[in-house]
Structures are given as structure tokens and as C-alpha cells.
Protein backbone atom coordinates (compact mmCIF):
# COMPACT_ATOMS: atom_id res chain seq x y z
CA MET A 1 0.00 0.00 0.00
CA LYS A 2 1.32 3.42 -0.96
CA ALA A 3 1.84 5.74 2.00
CA ALA A 4 -0.10 9.01 2.13
CA PRO A 5 1.89 12.14 1.22
CA GLU A 6 3.30 14.34 3.93
CA VAL A 7 1.14 17.24 5.09
CA SER A 8 2.16 20.64 6.44
CA TRP A 9 0.16 23.23 8.34
CA ARG A 10 0.81 26.63 9.80
CA LEU A 11 0.43 26.64 13.58
CA GLU A 12 -1.92 29.00 15.30
CA ASP A 13 -0.15 31.98 16.85
CA GLY A 14 1.22 31.09 20.26
CA ALA A 15 1.17 27.33 19.74
CA GLY A 16 4.47 25.47 20.13
CA GLY A 17 6.21 22.18 20.76
CA ALA A 18 4.64 21.66 24.19
CA ASP A 19 1.16 22.07 22.71
CA ILE A 20 2.00 19.49 20.05
CA ASP A 21 3.19 17.06 22.73
CA ALA A 22 -0.04 17.52 24.66
CA ALA A 23 -2.24 17.15 21.58
CA LEU A 24 -0.58 13.84 20.61
CA ALA A 25 -0.57 12.28 24.07
CA PRO A 26 -1.41 9.68 25.22
CA ARG A 27 -1.38 7.76 21.93
CA PHE A 28 2.11 8.88 20.89
CA ALA A 29 5.35 9.57 22.66
CA THR A 30 7.25 12.47 21.06
CA GLU A 31 10.97 12.79 20.61
CA TRP A 32 12.47 16.10 19.47
CA ARG A 33 15.91 16.33 17.89
CA GLU A 34 18.28 19.30 18.13
CA PRO A 35 17.26 21.97 15.59
CA ALA A 36 19.16 22.80 12.43
CA VAL A 37 19.36 26.59 12.09
CA THR A 38 19.90 28.49 8.84
CA ALA A 39 20.28 32.27 8.47
CA ARG A 40 19.87 33.94 5.09
CA VAL A 41 19.89 37.48 3.73
CA CYS A 42 17.33 37.96 0.95
CA TYR A 43 18.02 40.41 -1.88
CA ASP A 44 15.77 42.19 -4.35
CA ASP A 45 15.55 45.49 -6.19
CA ALA A 46 13.28 48.44 -5.41
CA ASP A 47 10.50 47.04 -7.60
CA ALA A 48 10.68 43.54 -6.08
CA THR A 49 11.38 42.28 -9.59
CA LEU A 50 12.75 38.93 -8.49
CA TRP A 51 9.89 38.24 -6.09
CA HIS A 52 7.24 39.06 -8.69
CA ALA A 53 9.06 36.82 -11.17
CA GLY A 54 8.70 33.89 -8.77
CA CYS A 55 12.34 34.09 -7.68
CA VAL A 56 14.21 34.47 -4.40
CA LEU A 57 17.85 35.53 -4.25
CA PHE A 58 19.52 34.89 -0.91
CA GLY A 59 23.00 34.85 0.51
CA SER A 60 24.29 32.80 3.41
CA ASP A 61 27.65 32.34 5.03
CA PRO A 62 29.46 30.24 3.94
CA GLY A 63 27.07 29.11 1.21
CA GLY A 64 27.22 32.25 -0.96
CA LEU A 65 24.46 33.45 -3.25
CA CYS A 66 21.65 31.22 -4.49
CA LEU A 67 18.75 31.99 -6.81
CA LEU A 68 15.52 30.00 -6.55
CA ARG A 69 12.78 30.09 -9.15
CA ASP A 70 9.45 28.55 -8.16
CA GLY A 71 11.22 26.80 -5.32
CA GLU A 72 13.90 25.19 -7.46
CA PRO A 73 17.58 26.24 -7.35
CA VAL A 74 18.61 27.99 -10.57
CA ALA A 75 22.18 29.05 -9.90
CA GLU A 76 24.72 29.63 -7.16
CA SER A 77 27.76 31.84 -6.78
CA PRO A 78 30.35 32.84 -4.17
CA PRO A 79 29.10 35.20 -1.44
CA PRO A 80 28.63 38.91 -2.30
CA ALA A 81 31.41 41.35 -1.44
CA GLY A 82 29.24 44.29 -0.35
CA GLU A 83 25.76 45.22 0.73
CA ARG A 84 24.66 46.64 -2.64
CA LEU A 85 24.86 44.22 -5.54
CA PHE A 86 24.52 44.53 -9.31
CA TRP A 87 24.41 41.63 -11.73
CA TRP A 88 27.85 42.59 -13.03
CA ASP A 89 29.29 42.19 -9.51
CA VAL A 90 28.50 38.45 -9.68
CA PRO A 91 31.28 36.27 -11.12
CA GLU A 92 30.81 34.92 -14.63
CA GLY A 93 28.49 31.93 -14.57
CA ALA A 94 24.90 30.76 -14.42
CA LEU A 95 23.80 33.14 -11.65
CA ARG A 96 25.13 36.20 -13.42
CA ALA A 97 23.46 35.09 -16.65
CA ALA A 98 20.14 34.52 -14.85
CA LEU A 99 20.15 37.87 -13.02
CA ARG A 100 21.07 40.11 -15.95
CA PRO A 101 17.77 39.91 -17.89
CA LEU A 102 15.73 39.99 -14.70
CA VAL A 103 17.07 43.13 -12.98
CA GLY A 104 18.93 45.09 -15.66
CA VAL A 105 20.59 48.15 -14.14
CA ARG A 106 18.77 47.93 -10.81
CA ALA A 107 20.71 47.41 -7.60
CA LEU A 108 19.95 44.38 -5.46
CA LEU A 109 19.74 45.29 -1.79
CA PRO A 110 19.17 43.26 1.38
CA VAL A 111 15.42 43.31 1.99
CA ALA A 112 15.11 40.79 4.84
CA THR A 113 17.19 38.67 7.18
CA HIS A 114 15.50 35.30 7.43
CA GLU A 115 16.30 32.74 10.12
CA VAL A 116 14.87 29.23 9.89
CA SER A 117 15.17 26.50 12.49
CA ARG A 118 13.92 22.99 11.81
CA HIS A 119 13.24 20.64 14.74
CA GLU A 120 12.92 17.02 13.68
CA LEU A 121 10.06 15.18 15.43
CA LEU A 122 9.58 11.43 15.90
CA LEU A 123 6.21 10.00 16.97
CA GLN A 124 6.46 6.61 18.67
CA ASN A 125 3.76 4.12 19.55
CA GLN A 126 3.45 2.16 22.80
CA ASP A 127 6.13 -0.24 21.56
CA ARG A 128 8.54 2.75 21.21
CA LYS A 129 8.56 2.21 17.48
CA THR A 130 8.68 5.31 15.27
CA VAL A 131 5.46 5.35 13.23
CA VAL A 132 5.30 8.98 12.04
CA ARG A 133 8.05 11.47 11.32
CA GLY A 134 7.60 15.18 11.43
CA SER A 135 9.24 18.54 11.86
CA LEU A 136 8.51 21.92 13.39
CA THR A 137 9.83 24.77 11.25
CA ARG A 138 10.26 28.19 12.85
CA SER A 139 10.58 31.08 10.42
CA VAL A 140 11.71 34.46 11.79
CA VAL A 141 11.86 37.83 9.99
CA ASP A 142 12.21 41.12 11.90
CA GLY A 143 11.25 39.43 15.15
CA GLN A 144 8.05 37.90 13.74
CA CYS A 145 8.02 34.14 14.26
CA LEU A 146 5.78 31.87 12.20
CA GLN A 147 5.69 28.10 12.84
CA TYR A 148 4.84 25.24 10.52
CA LEU A 149 4.22 21.62 11.43
CA THR A 150 4.92 18.86 8.92
CA LEU A 151 3.92 15.21 9.40
CA THR A 152 5.30 12.48 7.17
CA PRO A 153 3.75 8.97 7.15
CA MET A 154 5.84 5.84 7.31
CA ARG A 155 4.99 2.83 5.21
CA GLY A 156 2.41 0.60 6.87
CA TYR A 157 1.36 3.16 9.48
CA ASP A 158 -1.28 5.18 7.64
CA ASP A 159 -3.76 4.83 10.53
CA GLU A 160 -1.24 6.30 12.95
CA PHE A 161 -0.56 9.15 10.53
CA GLU A 162 -4.28 9.94 10.28
CA SER A 163 -4.61 9.78 14.07
CA ALA A 164 -1.69 12.16 14.55
CA SER A 165 -3.12 14.54 11.94
CA ARG A 166 -6.47 14.60 13.74
CA GLY A 167 -4.73 15.16 17.04
CA VAL A 168 -3.05 18.41 15.98
CA ARG A 169 -5.98 19.87 14.06
CA GLN A 170 -6.98 22.20 16.89
CA LEU A 171 -3.49 23.77 16.80
CA VAL A 172 -3.21 24.44 13.09
CA HIS A 173 -4.81 26.30 10.22
CA ALA A 174 -4.15 26.69 6.49
CA LEU A 175 -2.35 23.94 4.67
CA ALA A 176 1.08 25.18 3.55
CA ASP A 177 4.17 24.06 1.69
CA VAL A 178 7.19 24.63 3.87
CA ASP A 179 9.47 25.95 1.15
CA LEU A 180 11.43 29.19 1.25
CA GLN A 181 9.00 31.21 -0.87
CA THR A 182 6.02 30.11 1.22
CA LEU A 183 7.84 30.99 4.43
CA LEU A 184 8.76 34.44 3.14
CA ALA A 185 5.27 35.06 1.78
CA GLY A 186 3.83 34.35 5.24
CA HIS A 187 5.77 37.28 6.68
CA ARG A 188 4.30 39.75 4.18
CA ILE A 189 7.66 41.48 3.81
CA ALA A 190 7.10 45.12 2.88
CA ALA A 191 9.89 45.18 0.31
CA PHE A 192 8.19 42.38 -1.63
CA ALA A 193 4.99 44.43 -1.82
CA ALA A 194 6.59 47.10 -4.04
CA ALA A 195 3.93 49.42 -5.41
CA ARG A 196 2.70 48.49 -8.86
CA VAL A 197 1.36 51.08 -11.28
CA ALA A 198 -2.25 51.68 -10.28
CA PRO A 199 -5.02 52.56 -12.75
CA MET A 200 -5.53 56.27 -13.16
CA PRO A 201 -8.46 57.69 -11.12
CA ILE A 202 -10.59 58.62 -14.13
CA ALA A 203 -13.82 57.65 -15.87
CA ASP A 204 -14.95 58.27 -19.44
CA GLY A 205 -17.68 60.74 -18.46
CA MET A 206 -15.47 62.78 -16.13
CA PRO A 207 -14.91 66.44 -17.08
CA THR A 208 -11.54 66.72 -18.81
CA GLU A 209 -10.09 69.25 -16.37
CA GLN A 210 -10.93 67.03 -13.41
CA ALA A 211 -9.31 64.03 -15.10
CA VAL A 212 -6.15 65.94 -16.02
CA ARG A 213 -5.75 67.32 -12.50
CA ALA A 214 -6.21 63.87 -10.91
CA MET A 215 -3.82 62.14 -13.32
CA ALA A 216 -1.07 64.75 -13.09
CA HIS A 217 -1.34 64.64 -9.29
CA VAL A 218 -0.74 60.86 -9.35
CA MET A 219 2.21 61.24 -11.74
CA LEU A 220 3.84 63.87 -9.54
CA GLU A 221 3.37 61.71 -6.45
CA GLN A 222 4.94 58.80 -8.32
CA ALA A 223 7.97 60.97 -9.12
CA GLN A 224 8.42 61.81 -5.44
CA ARG A 225 8.63 58.13 -4.50
CA HIS A 226 11.95 57.90 -6.35
CA VAL A 227 13.62 60.92 -4.77
CA ASP A 228 15.04 59.08 -1.75
CA GLY A 229 16.64 56.48 -4.04
CA VAL A 230 18.21 59.28 -6.11
CA VAL A 231 19.60 61.02 -3.03
CA ARG A 232 20.98 57.76 -1.62
CA ASP A 233 22.35 56.95 -5.09
CA ILE A 234 21.15 53.34 -4.91
CA ASP A 235 21.05 52.91 -8.68
CA THR A 236 20.53 55.02 -11.78
CA GLU A 237 17.01 53.72 -12.34
CA PHE A 238 15.65 55.88 -9.51
CA LEU A 239 16.62 59.04 -11.39
CA HIS A 240 15.33 57.61 -14.67
CA ALA A 241 11.98 56.69 -13.10
CA TYR A 242 11.74 60.13 -11.46
CA ARG A 243 12.32 61.81 -14.81
CA VAL A 244 9.84 59.58 -16.65
CA SER A 245 7.08 60.36 -14.14
CA LEU A 246 7.80 64.08 -14.39
CA ARG A 247 8.00 63.93 -18.19
CA LYS A 248 4.61 62.27 -18.29
CA ALA A 249 3.11 64.92 -16.00
CA ARG A 250 4.57 67.69 -18.17
CA SER A 251 3.35 66.01 -21.35
CA LEU A 252 -0.15 65.58 -19.96
CA VAL A 253 -0.34 69.24 -18.96
CA SER A 254 0.98 70.29 -22.37
CA LEU A 255 -1.26 67.97 -24.37
CA MET A 256 -4.39 68.97 -22.45
CA LYS A 257 -3.48 72.58 -21.67
CA LYS A 258 -6.74 73.89 -23.12
CA SER A 259 -8.58 72.12 -20.31
CA LEU A 260 -6.72 74.03 -17.58
CA PRO A 261 -7.11 77.67 -16.52
CA GLU A 262 -4.21 80.05 -17.20
CA ALA A 263 -3.44 80.34 -13.48
CA ALA A 264 -2.88 76.58 -13.26
CA LEU A 265 -0.56 76.61 -16.28
CA ASP A 266 1.39 79.55 -14.82
CA THR A 267 1.98 77.50 -11.67
CA LEU A 268 2.65 74.11 -13.21
CA LYS A 269 4.71 74.64 -16.35
CA PRO A 270 7.74 76.50 -14.95
CA ARG A 271 7.90 74.46 -11.78
CA LEU A 272 7.64 71.07 -13.47
CA SER A 273 10.25 72.22 -15.98
CA ARG A 274 12.64 73.22 -13.19
CA MET A 275 12.09 69.97 -11.29
CA ALA A 276 13.06 67.99 -14.40
CA GLY A 277 15.76 70.25 -15.82
CA THR A 278 17.85 70.23 -12.65
CA THR A 279 18.55 66.53 -13.24
CA ASN A 280 19.52 66.75 -16.93
CA ALA A 281 23.28 66.80 -16.46
CA LEU A 282 23.25 63.88 -14.02
CA ARG A 283 21.18 61.75 -16.39
CA ASP A 284 23.53 62.45 -19.33
CA LEU A 285 26.49 61.33 -17.22
CA ASP A 286 24.61 58.22 -16.12
CA VAL A 287 23.80 57.28 -19.72
CA TYR A 288 27.48 57.38 -20.65
CA LEU A 289 28.54 55.33 -17.64
CA LEU A 290 25.91 52.69 -18.34
CA ALA A 291 27.32 52.30 -21.86
CA HIS A 292 31.04 52.86 -21.26
CA HIS A 293 31.99 49.17 -21.51
CA GLU A 294 30.14 48.96 -24.82
CA TYR A 295 31.88 52.11 -26.05
CA ALA A 296 35.30 50.83 -25.04
CA ALA A 297 34.66 47.62 -26.98
CA LEU A 298 34.10 49.64 -30.17
CA LEU A 299 37.72 50.84 -30.18
CA PRO A 300 41.03 49.01 -30.64
CA ALA A 301 42.88 48.06 -27.45
CA GLY A 302 45.35 50.92 -27.94
CA PHE A 303 42.65 53.44 -27.06
CA ALA A 304 41.98 51.82 -23.67
CA PRO A 305 44.09 54.32 -21.60
CA GLY A 306 42.24 57.25 -23.15
CA MET A 307 38.86 55.61 -22.54
CA ASP A 308 39.82 54.88 -18.94
CA GLU A 309 40.78 58.54 -18.48
CA LEU A 310 37.47 59.66 -20.00
CA THR A 311 35.46 57.33 -17.77
CA ALA A 312 37.32 58.51 -14.68
CA LEU A 313 36.58 62.13 -15.61
CA VAL A 314 32.90 61.34 -16.19
CA ARG A 315 32.72 59.61 -12.80
CA ALA A 316 34.23 62.67 -11.12
CA ARG A 317 31.76 65.00 -12.82
CA ARG A 318 28.93 62.64 -11.97
CA ALA A 319 29.83 62.82 -8.28
CA GLN A 320 29.59 66.61 -8.49
CA ALA A 321 26.33 66.48 -10.44
CA HIS A 322 24.81 64.04 -7.98
CA ALA A 323 25.77 66.27 -5.05
CA GLN A 324 24.04 69.20 -6.77
CA VAL A 325 20.87 67.18 -7.43
CA ALA A 326 20.81 65.86 -3.85
CA ALA A 327 21.22 69.42 -2.55
CA TYR A 328 18.35 70.58 -4.76
CA PHE A 329 16.07 67.82 -3.50
CA ALA A 330 16.88 68.86 0.07
CA SER A 331 16.28 72.56 -0.62
CA PRO A 332 13.26 74.72 0.27
CA ALA A 333 13.02 75.65 -3.43
CA TYR A 334 12.34 72.06 -4.44
CA ARG A 335 9.85 71.53 -1.64
CA ASP A 336 8.10 74.75 -2.63
CA ASP A 337 7.87 73.61 -6.27
CA VAL A 338 6.41 70.22 -5.29
CA ASP A 339 3.96 71.65 -2.77
CA ALA A 340 2.76 74.36 -5.16
CA CYS A 341 2.15 71.85 -7.97
CA LEU A 342 0.39 69.33 -5.75
CA ALA A 343 -1.78 72.06 -4.22
CA GLU A 344 -2.74 73.40 -7.63
CA LEU A 345 -3.58 69.96 -9.00
CA ALA A 346 -5.66 69.14 -5.91
CA LEU A 347 -7.96 72.11 -6.50
CA PRO A 348 -11.47 71.35 -7.76
CA PRO A 349 -12.03 72.00 -11.48
CA VAL A 350 -13.10 75.53 -12.36
CA LEU A 351 -14.26 74.56 -15.89
CA ALA A 352 -13.07 77.86 -17.32
CA THR A 353 -12.60 76.61 -20.90
CA PRO A 354 -14.85 74.73 -23.32
CA MET A 355 -12.55 71.68 -23.25
CA ALA A 356 -12.48 71.62 -19.45
CA ALA A 357 -16.13 70.67 -19.12
CA ARG A 358 -16.31 68.12 -21.93
CA PRO A 359 -16.27 64.39 -21.07
CA VAL A 360 -12.65 63.33 -21.19
CA LEU A 361 -13.01 60.29 -23.45
CA GLY A 362 -14.43 62.30 -26.33
CA VAL A 363 -11.73 64.93 -25.93
CA VAL A 364 -8.99 62.30 -25.93
CA LYS A 365 -10.27 60.64 -29.10
CA ARG A 366 -10.41 63.96 -30.95
CA GLN A 367 -6.92 64.85 -29.72
CA VAL A 368 -5.52 61.52 -30.89
CA LEU A 369 -6.95 61.88 -34.37
CA ARG A 370 -5.70 65.44 -34.71
CA ARG A 371 -2.23 64.58 -33.52
CA TYR A 372 -2.07 61.54 -35.76
CA ALA A 373 -2.90 63.73 -38.79
CA ALA A 374 -0.22 66.23 -37.73
CA ILE A 375 2.41 63.50 -37.31
CA GLU A 376 1.46 62.02 -40.67
CA ALA A 377 2.13 65.41 -42.28
CA LEU A 378 5.46 65.82 -40.44
CA ALA A 379 6.56 62.35 -41.48
CA ALA A 380 5.68 63.00 -45.13
CA ALA A 381 8.04 65.98 -45.12
CA ILE A 382 11.03 63.95 -43.87
CA ASN A 383 13.57 63.17 -46.61
CA PRO A 384 17.30 62.34 -46.74
CA GLU A 385 18.14 66.04 -46.68
CA SER A 386 15.94 66.90 -43.67
CA ALA A 387 17.71 68.53 -40.76
CA ASP A 388 18.36 66.51 -37.63
CA ASP A 389 16.08 68.89 -35.74
CA ASP A 390 13.16 67.89 -37.97
CA VAL A 391 13.74 64.23 -37.18
CA HIS A 392 13.96 65.02 -33.46
CA ALA A 393 10.72 67.03 -33.66
CA LEU A 394 8.97 64.05 -35.25
CA ARG A 395 10.27 61.76 -32.49
CA ILE A 396 8.88 64.09 -29.83
CA GLU A 397 5.47 64.20 -31.50
CA PHE A 398 5.39 60.41 -31.69
CA LYS A 399 6.22 60.24 -27.99
CA LYS A 400 3.48 62.73 -27.10
CA LEU A 401 0.88 60.81 -29.08
CA ARG A 402 1.96 57.52 -27.52
CA TYR A 403 1.72 59.10 -24.07
CA LEU A 404 -1.75 60.44 -24.85
CA ILE A 405 -2.99 56.95 -25.65
CA GLU A 406 -1.18 55.35 -22.70
CA PHE A 407 -2.55 57.93 -20.25
CA PHE A 408 -6.13 57.08 -21.13
CA ILE A 409 -5.76 53.45 -22.17
CA ASP A 410 -8.11 52.26 -19.41
CA LEU A 411 -10.92 54.18 -21.12
CA LEU A 412 -10.11 52.89 -24.60
CA PRO A 413 -10.48 49.43 -26.21
CA LYS A 414 -7.45 48.08 -24.38
CA LYS A 415 -6.24 45.28 -26.64
CA ARG A 416 -6.37 47.34 -29.82
CA SER A 417 -4.91 50.40 -28.11
CA MET A 418 -2.01 48.37 -26.76
CA LYS A 419 -1.33 47.15 -30.31
CA VAL A 420 -1.17 50.78 -31.46
CA VAL A 421 1.24 51.59 -28.63
CA ALA A 422 3.41 48.58 -29.48
CA ASP A 423 3.62 49.74 -33.11
CA PHE A 424 4.54 53.24 -31.89
CA LYS A 425 7.36 51.81 -29.82
CA LYS A 426 8.81 50.03 -32.85
CA ILE A 427 9.14 53.18 -34.92
CA GLN A 428 10.20 55.16 -31.86
CA GLY A 429 13.00 52.62 -31.52
CA VAL A 430 14.50 53.87 -34.80
CA LEU A 431 13.86 57.54 -34.07
CA GLY A 432 15.07 57.11 -30.49
CA ALA A 433 18.29 55.41 -31.58
CA PHE A 434 19.00 58.37 -33.85
CA ASN A 435 18.34 60.82 -31.03
CA ASP A 436 20.42 58.86 -28.51
CA LEU A 437 23.41 58.88 -30.85
CA SER A 438 23.02 62.60 -31.45
CA VAL A 439 22.85 63.31 -27.72
CA GLN A 440 25.85 61.12 -26.90
CA ILE A 441 27.95 62.67 -29.69
CA ASP A 442 27.19 66.15 -28.34
CA PHE A 443 27.89 64.94 -24.81
CA LEU A 444 31.26 63.45 -25.74
CA GLU A 445 32.35 66.48 -27.72
CA GLY A 446 31.96 68.50 -24.53
CA PHE A 447 34.90 66.56 -23.06
CA GLN A 448 37.39 67.50 -25.77
CA ASP A 449 40.57 68.77 -24.11
CA PRO A 450 43.81 69.18 -26.11
CA ARG A 451 45.80 68.86 -22.87
CA ARG A 452 44.63 65.25 -22.54
CA GLY A 453 46.17 63.60 -25.56
CA ALA A 454 45.19 59.98 -25.01
CA MET A 455 41.65 60.91 -24.04
CA THR A 456 41.27 63.25 -27.01
CA GLN A 457 42.36 60.49 -29.38
CA ALA A 458 39.89 58.06 -27.82
CA LEU A 459 37.13 60.67 -28.08
CA GLY A 460 37.93 61.25 -31.73
CA GLY A 461 37.80 57.56 -32.52
CA LEU A 462 34.61 56.99 -30.54
CA THR A 463 32.70 59.96 -31.96
CA ALA A 464 33.72 58.91 -35.47
CA ILE A 465 32.22 55.47 -34.90
CA LEU A 466 29.06 56.95 -33.39
CA HIS A 467 28.70 59.29 -36.38
CA MET A 468 28.84 56.26 -38.68
CA LYS A 469 26.21 54.50 -36.60
CA LYS A 470 24.08 57.64 -36.70
CA THR A 471 24.36 57.75 -40.51
CA ASP A 472 23.26 54.10 -40.72
CA VAL A 473 20.24 54.73 -38.49
CA ARG A 474 19.37 57.91 -40.41
CA ALA A 475 19.21 55.88 -43.63
CA ARG A 476 16.64 53.53 -42.07
CA ILE A 477 14.25 56.26 -40.94
CA GLY A 478 12.63 56.85 -44.33
CA ASP A 479 11.85 53.17 -44.81
CA ALA A 480 10.51 52.89 -41.25
CA LEU A 481 8.15 55.84 -41.78
CA ALA A 482 6.95 54.52 -45.15
CA ALA A 483 6.24 51.13 -43.61
CA TYR A 484 4.34 52.70 -40.70
CA PHE A 485 2.13 55.26 -42.45
CA THR A 486 -0.14 53.18 -44.64
CA GLU A 487 -3.74 53.50 -45.69
CA ASN A 488 -4.63 50.64 -43.36
CA ARG A 489 -3.00 52.50 -40.48
CA ALA A 490 -5.16 55.56 -41.07
CA ILE A 491 -8.28 53.38 -41.24
CA GLU A 492 -7.23 51.66 -38.00
CA PHE A 493 -6.95 55.00 -36.20
CA GLY A 494 -10.28 56.15 -37.56
CA LEU A 495 -12.04 53.01 -36.38
CA LEU A 496 -10.38 52.94 -32.97
CA PHE A 497 -10.67 56.60 -32.05
CA GLY A 498 -13.89 57.47 -33.86
CA ALA A 499 -14.49 58.19 -37.53
CA ARG A 500 -13.37 61.62 -38.59
CA GLN A 501 -16.25 64.06 -38.81
CA ARG A 502 -16.06 67.61 -40.08
CA ASP A 503 -18.27 70.59 -39.39
CA LYS A 504 -19.43 73.04 -42.08
CA ARG A 505 -16.07 74.82 -41.98
CA GLY A 506 -14.20 71.51 -42.50
CA THR A 507 -12.78 71.39 -38.99
CA VAL A 508 -12.14 67.92 -37.60
CA GLN A 509 -14.45 67.24 -34.65
């Protein structure tokens, strides 16, 4: 006869080994073995990326780092050298390869110290024969102790196993697997509950001004959540996320400016611009440092000393730029900008313009169609002789239109709208690559210094290669635009965002 599978439960709070002994007496004698104790430090990034991917990364001494996915070990590595950890700090091997696509440029930080003790339990019958095995697992995080009882049947003693299971029922609740992920989940660790992007607080019939105020308020609050990470310089993604949230708030205000009163625009536009612009230099330096290994690989080995000198100079300037940004975030001026914007956005709508009072969904659809027509016209004017600024202007308009759809995607047919956004991202990939190369070339040229011979030579070689890459990307833009703007595309937009209608003067409604 096949033995029943083992069963685990979580003990009621306050229950312990003595309660188990009492619940099993007098049918069973209990024998407890000395516990095996394991201490681990769990790591994750600020978004709990590993946890939400079904993974746990932990380090133990002397075991080193181990990554579990769905309870199964994926890879191991020697122990980490410091408290903050990036994938590139892990030695070459399976763990490094597994972490890289999961966390990207995010830092992995200790999020919990987890101690587990496992007490082996033997249940013996009146003949002192072991008939059921078990264990009591104690899981401790931040002083919170959770306990799990496991009973394992032995072949031929199924009745004893059932009797023991009935005996402890009053002490337990909730069946549980006693694996590491289940133990950690039971503690509800705050770092694993990283905030996900919540739906915007809008409805299709809401007046446009009310919707814009509510959405921009959320975006500005989201930006503030990243400030501490920027100041502590945990990783570059905090600054990037801060800037993205602010850029979205600025875009929303700009796109829907006719729904807001002039007083609101006078408050919001300069302050949001200042809050973003103060971080520009730091972000440019970060972008170079994130790519410096890739840049170095583009050049022959003889340029390595010059590239090392350039990278050292960029790091020094970055330290200065970070200090300036941190000082700004700690300043009364920054706090005043944030408070003024949040206060303005929290005001009730005044409905001072025709657009302000219209239901937001109708306004959004009309805006999308108008902007699509404008982008179509801009794209038609792009040719091989077009100035770089014209290409950059087209990229910005694409981004604004994509944002407009993304902002209100919960009000739109979601599946079809997401397809539109995905297609936008493809063509933005080409336009964005062109812009990134332009920005990096300008950035690098700002480091030219005839007194630094090796660095100047490396800069010359690198910028030459980037110019060639830029020329290659520029040649692909015309084909990408021709492939995107088709008759079917125009029909798709018309169907998704409402057929174009014109009034007696021919104005699109």
C-alpha cells in the first residue's frame, strides 16, 4: 500500500512544541531532535522584480548566493562582497546570466534577514517504534516568528498518521508548503509588496479638467517616490523613473493645456520644468557610464588608456552632479515647487474653458486623431536632406501621441490600443536610436581637451564610430516611416478613435 503524502500546516499563533506534545498524548510519545538553524539574507531590487518573477535571491555564510525560481535552485555563486549588488558584480556563470535579464541596471539590496530552524520530530507508539516522522519549522523575519508543522507517514502506518493529523488539528490552520517562498510570503515582507502602477483615477464621463488634475497629481506623487533612491544613489534607475514620471506629467499638462485655466498653467509649467531640468546633467552622465563598456569595446585596445581617463573624468563630474541634485532635493526651493504643484492639482475644477467641461473620453479621441494627422504630415516631409532637428521634432510628436494613448488606455479598447502603442514603440525605436546617438555625440564632444592627448584620441575615434552608426540609423528612418504610415493604419486610427467628422467649416471634430 502506498503511504499518504506528507502534510504541512501553519500553527496558530502562540502554539508550540509543548502544545504538540499535549495534543498527541497519550497515543504517541514524542521525541524532538536538536534543531538545524539556517540564516539567510534575501536580496531584491526596489521594484521587487525577483519576487514578482517567482524568484528568491539569498545569501548565506558560507554558502554564498543562491537563486531560486518557483522553489527550485537555478544558480549559485560565491558570497557577495558588499551590501549593494549589481548583476555585473556576480562572477561569470549561471547566476550572473540569470540575473542580468531579470534586474537590468537595478541594484539588489538586502530586503530581509531570514532565520529558519527545523526541529525534527519522531512519533512513537506504545512499543517505542517510530510510526510517524515530522518537523517543526520556525521562520523568523524582523522578530516575527511563524511556525509550521509537517507530518510524514511511514509505510504501513497510515492509521497512525491519520490519528496524529487529527490530534493536531486544533493547533493548526491553512495547509502550507514549507518551502522558502512560502515561508517568506507568510511574513508579508514590505519590500516584496513594491507598489505596482495603479489605474488612473478617471472615468470616461469625467470632465476633462478634473481628469487631467487627478492624473497629473498621481504622476507627480509617483515621481516623489523615487527621490530618496536618487539622493541615496542606490542605482541610476531611480533618477530615470523620477524623470519619466515628471515627463509624463509635463506632457499631460501640455497635451491637455486647453482644459486648464491660465493660473494653473502659470503655476505648473515653470515648476515642473525646473524639477526635471535640474537633473539633466546627471542623467547624461549616467547614460554614458551605463554604456562605457560597450563604447570601449568599439575601439582598438590601444585606445583603452584614453577611454579609462574619460570614464574617470565622467565619474568625477557625476559625483559633483549628484551632489548638486541631492542638494536641490533637500532645498526649500524644491519643496516649494512640489507643494505648489500638488496644491494646484488638488484644486477642484473651475471649468473655465470649453474643453475643461467636456467628457474626457471624447476629448482624448479627438486629440488623438488630430495629432495623428499632424504627425502624418510631419513624417511626409522627412527626406534624406531633412535637418536633424526635424527628425527630433517628429520623435517628440510620436512620444506625445503615444503618451496620450497610454494615459487614457483604461478608457479605450485596451487590446487594440495596446497594439497601437506597441507599433509606436517600434518606430520610436528607430527615431530614439538616432536621437540617442546625437545626444551622446554632443555629450562626448563636450569633453574634448587638447591637454589630454590619449583621451582626445579616444574621443575622436569613438565619436567617429558613433557618427557612422548615426548615418546608418538615419538611412533607415525613411523606410521605417513609409512602412508605418499606410492607408490601413489611417483606417485603423479612424475606427479605434472614432471616424473623422467635419463641421461646415471643414474642422475635424
